[in-house]
Amino acid sequence: MEWSSPRWSWREGFQFALCWQLKAKDAAALPCPMNFAEKWGLRIVTPLHKTLDWCSFRLRQPLVIVLLTLAVALLCCAVFYNIPVWVFLGKVFPAKLIRFCLFLYLELLCLGMGITAFGRFHNQTLVKHWKAGKLISIFPGNKESIS
């Protein structure tokens, strides 16, 4: 693969590498199948994409707003603060195990995104079609996204 051409902007590279799905503009099937790396990377990242997609379509519902706010607040407390409440809750819930699982999940997500990007950038046919403007990137929350 010729790394000197075609040139990539940061935005274009991130859009190509980190999108949930690539679709052809003319509603035809993708011009090439996904390679091994892209398939495995997407298997790791798909649960996050499905969760974001589900939340994005229900974001205006009060229950979803409250649940997301509570989840983010508890997540921030668990990760960033070592307050007496967590010492007490540590006797009930294994706080260090929760932190470790969160760390492990985030690391797996980064690995999955990297493997997906590696697979897409090394698929020369896919890169040619992207540079020719024949593909659309689909992110969670788009109307065209997978349900």
Protein backbone atom coordinates (compact mmCIF):
# COMPACT_ATOMS: atom_id res chain seq x y z
CA MET A 1 0.00 0.00 0.00
CA GLU A 2 1.31 3.41 -0.88
CA TRP A 3 1.37 5.42 2.32
CA SER A 4 2.25 8.70 0.62
CA SER A 5 -1.04 8.83 -1.26
CA PRO A 6 -3.91 9.40 -0.83
CA ARG A 7 -3.61 12.05 1.86
CA TRP A 8 -5.92 11.88 4.86
CA SER A 9 -7.18 14.73 7.02
CA TRP A 10 -7.62 13.99 10.72
CA ARG A 11 -11.39 14.31 10.46
CA GLU A 12 -11.62 12.05 7.43
CA GLY A 13 -9.35 9.45 9.00
CA PHE A 14 -11.31 9.33 12.25
CA GLN A 15 -14.60 9.19 10.36
CA PHE A 16 -13.39 6.29 8.22
CA ALA A 17 -11.75 4.36 11.05
CA LEU A 18 -14.19 4.80 13.93
CA CYS A 19 -17.62 4.73 12.30
CA TRP A 20 -19.99 1.91 13.14
CA GLN A 21 -20.64 0.92 9.57
CA LEU A 22 -19.70 1.91 6.03
CA LYS A 23 -22.48 1.88 3.44
CA ALA A 24 -22.39 2.46 -0.28
CA LYS A 25 -24.03 5.70 -1.41
CA ASP A 26 -25.96 4.00 -4.20
CA ALA A 27 -27.58 1.49 -1.78
CA ALA A 28 -25.59 -1.38 -3.28
CA ALA A 29 -23.63 -3.84 -1.20
CA LEU A 30 -20.17 -2.86 -0.03
CA PRO A 31 -17.63 -3.39 -2.80
CA CYS A 32 -15.53 -5.70 -0.63
CA PRO A 33 -16.07 -7.92 2.39
CA MET A 34 -14.73 -6.99 5.82
CA ASN A 35 -11.35 -8.46 6.59
CA PHE A 36 -10.53 -10.48 9.70
CA ALA A 37 -9.24 -7.53 11.75
CA GLU A 38 -12.25 -5.34 11.03
CA LYS A 39 -14.70 -8.12 11.93
CA TRP A 40 -13.03 -8.81 15.30
CA GLY A 41 -12.64 -5.14 16.14
CA LEU A 42 -16.31 -4.50 15.46
CA ARG A 43 -17.31 -7.46 17.65
CA ILE A 44 -15.63 -5.74 20.57
CA VAL A 45 -17.01 -2.25 19.85
CA THR A 46 -20.56 -3.17 18.74
CA PRO A 47 -22.07 -3.39 22.29
CA LEU A 48 -21.01 0.21 22.93
CA HIS A 49 -22.37 1.31 19.55
CA LYS A 50 -25.70 -0.43 20.19
CA THR A 51 -25.98 1.20 23.62
CA LEU A 52 -25.22 4.65 22.22
CA ASP A 53 -27.66 4.08 19.37
CA TRP A 54 -30.43 3.00 21.78
CA CYS A 55 -29.82 6.00 24.05
CA SER A 56 -29.65 8.50 21.20
CA PHE A 57 -33.13 7.58 19.95
CA ARG A 58 -34.63 7.75 23.46
CA LEU A 59 -32.67 10.69 24.84
CA ARG A 60 -35.70 12.96 25.22
CA GLN A 61 -37.51 10.52 27.52
CA PRO A 62 -37.27 11.65 31.17
CA LEU A 63 -36.44 8.16 32.46
CA VAL A 64 -33.49 7.82 30.09
CA ILE A 65 -32.20 11.27 31.06
CA VAL A 66 -32.33 10.42 34.76
CA LEU A 67 -30.73 6.99 34.30
CA LEU A 68 -27.90 8.34 32.14
CA THR A 69 -27.24 11.17 34.59
CA LEU A 70 -27.10 8.75 37.52
CA ALA A 71 -24.87 6.33 35.65
CA VAL A 72 -22.39 9.05 34.69
CA ALA A 73 -22.39 10.53 38.22
CA LEU A 74 -21.75 7.13 39.81
CA LEU A 75 -19.09 6.34 37.23
CA CYS A 76 -17.28 9.62 37.98
CA CYS A 77 -17.48 8.98 41.72
CA ALA A 78 -16.17 5.45 41.35
CA VAL A 79 -13.25 6.47 39.16
CA PHE A 80 -12.15 9.85 40.49
CA TYR A 81 -13.09 10.09 44.16
CA ASN A 82 -12.06 8.13 47.21
CA ILE A 83 -14.68 9.37 49.64
CA PRO A 84 -15.91 7.74 52.87
CA VAL A 85 -19.13 6.62 51.18
CA TRP A 86 -17.04 4.42 48.87
CA VAL A 87 -15.20 3.01 51.86
CA PHE A 88 -18.57 2.00 53.32
CA LEU A 89 -19.88 0.75 49.97
CA GLY A 90 -16.59 -1.10 49.47
CA LYS A 91 -17.70 -3.45 52.20
CA VAL A 92 -20.91 -4.14 50.30
CA PHE A 93 -19.63 -3.84 46.72
CA PRO A 94 -16.07 -4.66 45.65
CA ALA A 95 -15.06 -1.13 44.58
CA LYS A 96 -11.60 -2.15 43.38
CA LEU A 97 -13.11 -4.91 41.28
CA ILE A 98 -15.56 -2.41 39.74
CA ARG A 99 -12.68 -0.07 38.91
CA PHE A 100 -10.68 -2.92 37.43
CA CYS A 101 -13.62 -4.09 35.29
CA LEU A 102 -14.21 -0.53 34.07
CA PHE A 103 -10.50 -0.17 33.25
CA LEU A 104 -10.50 -3.53 31.45
CA TYR A 105 -13.62 -2.63 29.44
CA LEU A 106 -12.18 0.73 28.37
CA GLU A 107 -8.93 -0.93 27.34
CA LEU A 108 -10.85 -3.52 25.32
CA LEU A 109 -12.79 -0.72 23.61
CA CYS A 110 -9.55 1.02 22.64
CA LEU A 111 -8.17 -2.26 21.36
CA GLY A 112 -11.35 -2.93 19.37
CA MET A 113 -11.28 0.54 17.81
CA GLY A 114 -7.62 0.11 16.91
CA ILE A 115 -8.15 -3.31 15.36
CA THR A 116 -11.11 -2.01 13.35
CA ALA A 117 -9.08 0.97 12.11
CA PHE A 118 -6.16 -1.30 11.24
CA GLY A 119 -8.45 -3.57 9.24
CA ARG A 120 -10.09 -0.71 7.35
CA PHE A 121 -6.89 1.13 6.49
CA HIS A 122 -5.30 -2.08 5.20
CA ASN A 123 -8.25 -2.91 2.96
CA GLN A 124 -7.09 -1.22 -0.24
CA THR A 125 -10.40 -1.66 -2.07
CA LEU A 126 -12.30 -0.06 0.79
CA VAL A 127 -9.86 2.87 0.92
CA LYS A 128 -10.20 3.41 -2.87
CA HIS A 129 -14.00 3.51 -2.64
CA TRP A 130 -13.84 5.87 0.36
CA LYS A 131 -11.49 8.25 -1.46
CA ALA A 132 -13.72 8.12 -4.56
CA GLY A 133 -16.65 9.26 -2.40
CA LYS A 134 -18.68 6.08 -2.89
CA LEU A 135 -19.13 5.30 0.83
CA ILE A 136 -21.06 6.87 3.70
CA SER A 137 -19.97 6.49 7.33
CA ILE A 138 -22.75 5.57 9.76
CA PHE A 139 -22.40 6.43 13.45
CA PRO A 140 -24.66 5.45 16.35
CA GLY A 141 -27.74 7.67 16.37
CA ASN A 142 -27.96 8.04 12.59
CA LYS A 143 -31.30 7.11 11.09
CA GLU A 144 -29.54 4.59 8.83
CA SER A 145 -27.86 2.84 11.75
CA ILE A 146 -28.37 -0.82 12.55
CA SER A 147 -30.98 -1.57 15.18
